[in-house]
Amino acid sequence: MTIEQTMVHHNFEFDPQQAENVARKITPLIVKYGGNPPPWLAKYMDEIMAVAAIGMLGLSSYMQVRSLKIKDAELAKKAKQAAA
């Protein structure tokens, strides 16, 4: 849900059937490790979380800049039409 609402587009939604399929496929892994990362991965969780945080900040910044550029283009188009 977080990805849907903050990082892609406010009208974007995952296909419910595909999301359910992914949930079904990862359930054994979650059960296997009790919701925790595997031991070999646990020692890198700080690094993984840092990369994820930086990636989310970068992606959300990109999406915001993209949205602002689209709005600027629309305003410029309206201004050009009004001047004509």
C-alpha atoms as a PDB file:
ATOM      1  CA  MET A   1       0.000   0.000   0.000  1.00  0.00           C
ATOM      2  CA  THR A   2       2.834   2.392   0.799  1.00  0.00           C
ATOM      3  CA  ILE A   3       4.353   1.868  -2.616  1.00  0.00           C
ATOM      4  CA  GLU A   4       0.975   2.327  -4.264  1.00  0.00           C
ATOM      5  CA  GLN A   5       0.185   5.614  -2.565  1.00  0.00           C
ATOM      6  CA  THR A   6       3.495   7.379  -2.133  1.00  0.00           C
ATOM      7  CA  MET A   7       5.954   6.214  -4.688  1.00  0.00           C
ATOM      8  CA  VAL A   8       4.222   5.509  -7.946  1.00  0.00           C
ATOM      9  CA  HIS A   9       1.020   7.478  -8.533  1.00  0.00           C
ATOM     10  CA  HIS A  10      -1.919   8.330  -6.311  1.00  0.00           C
ATOM     11  CA  ASN A  11      -4.243   6.345  -8.592  1.00  0.00           C
ATOM     12  CA  PHE A  12      -1.936   3.342  -8.941  1.00  0.00           C
ATOM     13  CA  GLU A  13      -2.994   0.030  -7.405  1.00  0.00           C
ATOM     14  CA  PHE A  14      -1.412  -3.401  -7.492  1.00  0.00           C
ATOM     15  CA  ASP A  15      -3.509  -6.022  -9.200  1.00  0.00           C
ATOM     16  CA  PRO A  16      -5.240  -7.749  -6.247  1.00  0.00           C
ATOM     17  CA  GLN A  17      -4.827 -11.211  -7.763  1.00  0.00           C
ATOM     18  CA  GLN A  18      -1.097 -10.717  -8.335  1.00  0.00           C
ATOM     19  CA  ALA A  19      -0.635  -9.285  -4.817  1.00  0.00           C
ATOM     20  CA  GLU A  20      -2.448 -12.312  -3.363  1.00  0.00           C
ATOM     21  CA  ASN A  21      -0.256 -14.635  -5.415  1.00  0.00           C
ATOM     22  CA  VAL A  22       2.923 -12.965  -4.110  1.00  0.00           C
ATOM     23  CA  ALA A  23       1.619 -13.141  -0.526  1.00  0.00           C
ATOM     24  CA  ARG A  24       0.913 -16.852  -0.946  1.00  0.00           C
ATOM     25  CA  LYS A  25       4.398 -17.497  -2.320  1.00  0.00           C
ATOM     26  CA  ILE A  26       6.272 -15.617   0.418  1.00  0.00           C
ATOM     27  CA  THR A  27       4.232 -16.994   3.317  1.00  0.00           C
ATOM     28  CA  PRO A  28       6.421 -20.131   3.705  1.00  0.00           C
ATOM     29  CA  LEU A  29       9.520 -17.929   3.923  1.00  0.00           C
ATOM     30  CA  ILE A  30       7.947 -15.716   6.580  1.00  0.00           C
ATOM     31  CA  VAL A  31       6.852 -18.784   8.549  1.00  0.00           C
ATOM     32  CA  LYS A  32      10.276 -20.405   8.154  1.00  0.00           C
ATOM     33  CA  TYR A  33      12.087 -17.473   9.751  1.00  0.00           C
ATOM     34  CA  GLY A  34       9.299 -16.316  12.074  1.00  0.00           C
ATOM     35  CA  GLY A  35       8.990 -12.968  10.343  1.00  0.00           C
ATOM     36  CA  ASN A  36      12.673 -12.218  10.899  1.00  0.00           C
ATOM     37  CA  PRO A  37      15.428 -12.149   8.297  1.00  0.00           C
ATOM     38  CA  PRO A  38      17.530 -15.295   7.907  1.00  0.00           C
ATOM     39  CA  PRO A  39      20.582 -15.341  10.196  1.00  0.00           C
ATOM     40  CA  TRP A  40      23.029 -14.798   7.333  1.00  0.00           C
ATOM     41  CA  LEU A  41      21.102 -11.669   6.317  1.00  0.00           C
ATOM     42  CA  ALA A  42      20.371 -10.300   9.802  1.00  0.00           C
ATOM     43  CA  LYS A  43      23.874  -8.919  10.241  1.00  0.00           C
ATOM     44  CA  TYR A  44      23.309  -6.672   7.200  1.00  0.00           C
ATOM     45  CA  MET A  45      19.900  -5.272   8.211  1.00  0.00           C
ATOM     46  CA  ASP A  46      21.281  -1.805   9.038  1.00  0.00           C
ATOM     47  CA  GLU A  47      22.811  -1.564   5.587  1.00  0.00           C
ATOM     48  CA  ILE A  48      19.678  -2.907   3.912  1.00  0.00           C
ATOM     49  CA  MET A  49      17.457  -0.437   5.776  1.00  0.00           C
ATOM     50  CA  ALA A  50      19.803   2.439   4.878  1.00  0.00           C
ATOM     51  CA  VAL A  51      19.724   1.510   1.187  1.00  0.00           C
ATOM     52  CA  ALA A  52      15.925   1.140   1.316  1.00  0.00           C
ATOM     53  CA  ALA A  53      15.521   4.545   3.004  1.00  0.00           C
ATOM     54  CA  ILE A  54      17.833   6.246   0.509  1.00  0.00           C
ATOM     55  CA  GLY A  55      16.056   4.533  -2.363  1.00  0.00           C
ATOM     56  CA  MET A  56      12.620   5.574  -1.118  1.00  0.00           C
ATOM     57  CA  LEU A  57      13.785   9.166  -0.642  1.00  0.00           C
ATOM     58  CA  GLY A  58      15.304   9.219  -4.110  1.00  0.00           C
ATOM     59  CA  LEU A  59      12.256   7.707  -5.759  1.00  0.00           C
ATOM     60  CA  SER A  60       9.780   9.948  -3.954  1.00  0.00           C
ATOM     61  CA  SER A  61      11.923  12.985  -4.833  1.00  0.00           C
ATOM     62  CA  TYR A  62      12.004  11.918  -8.470  1.00  0.00           C
ATOM     63  CA  MET A  63       8.230  11.461  -8.500  1.00  0.00           C
ATOM     64  CA  GLN A  64       7.703  14.873  -6.907  1.00  0.00           C
ATOM     65  CA  VAL A  65      10.001  16.610  -9.423  1.00  0.00           C
ATOM     66  CA  ARG A  66       8.271  14.782 -12.264  1.00  0.00           C
ATOM     67  CA  SER A  67       4.863  15.877 -10.995  1.00  0.00           C
ATOM     68  CA  LEU A  68       6.029  19.482 -10.609  1.00  0.00           C
ATOM     69  CA  LYS A  69       7.428  19.496 -14.160  1.00  0.00           C
ATOM     70  CA  ILE A  70       4.119  18.201 -15.512  1.00  0.00           C
ATOM     71  CA  LYS A  71       2.255  20.946 -13.640  1.00  0.00           C
ATOM     72  CA  ASP A  72       4.712  23.557 -14.958  1.00  0.00           C
ATOM     73  CA  ALA A  73       4.188  22.310 -18.518  1.00  0.00           C
ATOM     74  CA  GLU A  74       0.410  22.479 -18.089  1.00  0.00           C
ATOM     75  CA  LEU A  75       0.623  26.028 -16.716  1.00  0.00           C
ATOM     76  CA  ALA A  76       2.900  27.093 -19.577  1.00  0.00           C
ATOM     77  CA  LYS A  77       0.486  25.581 -22.096  1.00  0.00           C
ATOM     78  CA  LYS A  78      -2.466  27.419 -20.502  1.00  0.00           C
ATOM     79  CA  ALA A  79      -0.496  30.682 -20.438  1.00  0.00           C
ATOM     80  CA  LYS A  80       0.418  30.252 -24.104  1.00  0.00           C
ATOM     81  CA  GLN A  81      -3.215  29.580 -25.020  1.00  0.00           C
ATOM     82  CA  ALA A  82      -4.375  32.592 -23.016  1.00  0.00           C
ATOM     83  CA  ALA A  83      -1.826  34.823 -24.760  1.00  0.00           C
ATOM     84  CA  ALA A  84      -2.927  33.670 -28.200  1.00  0.00           C
END
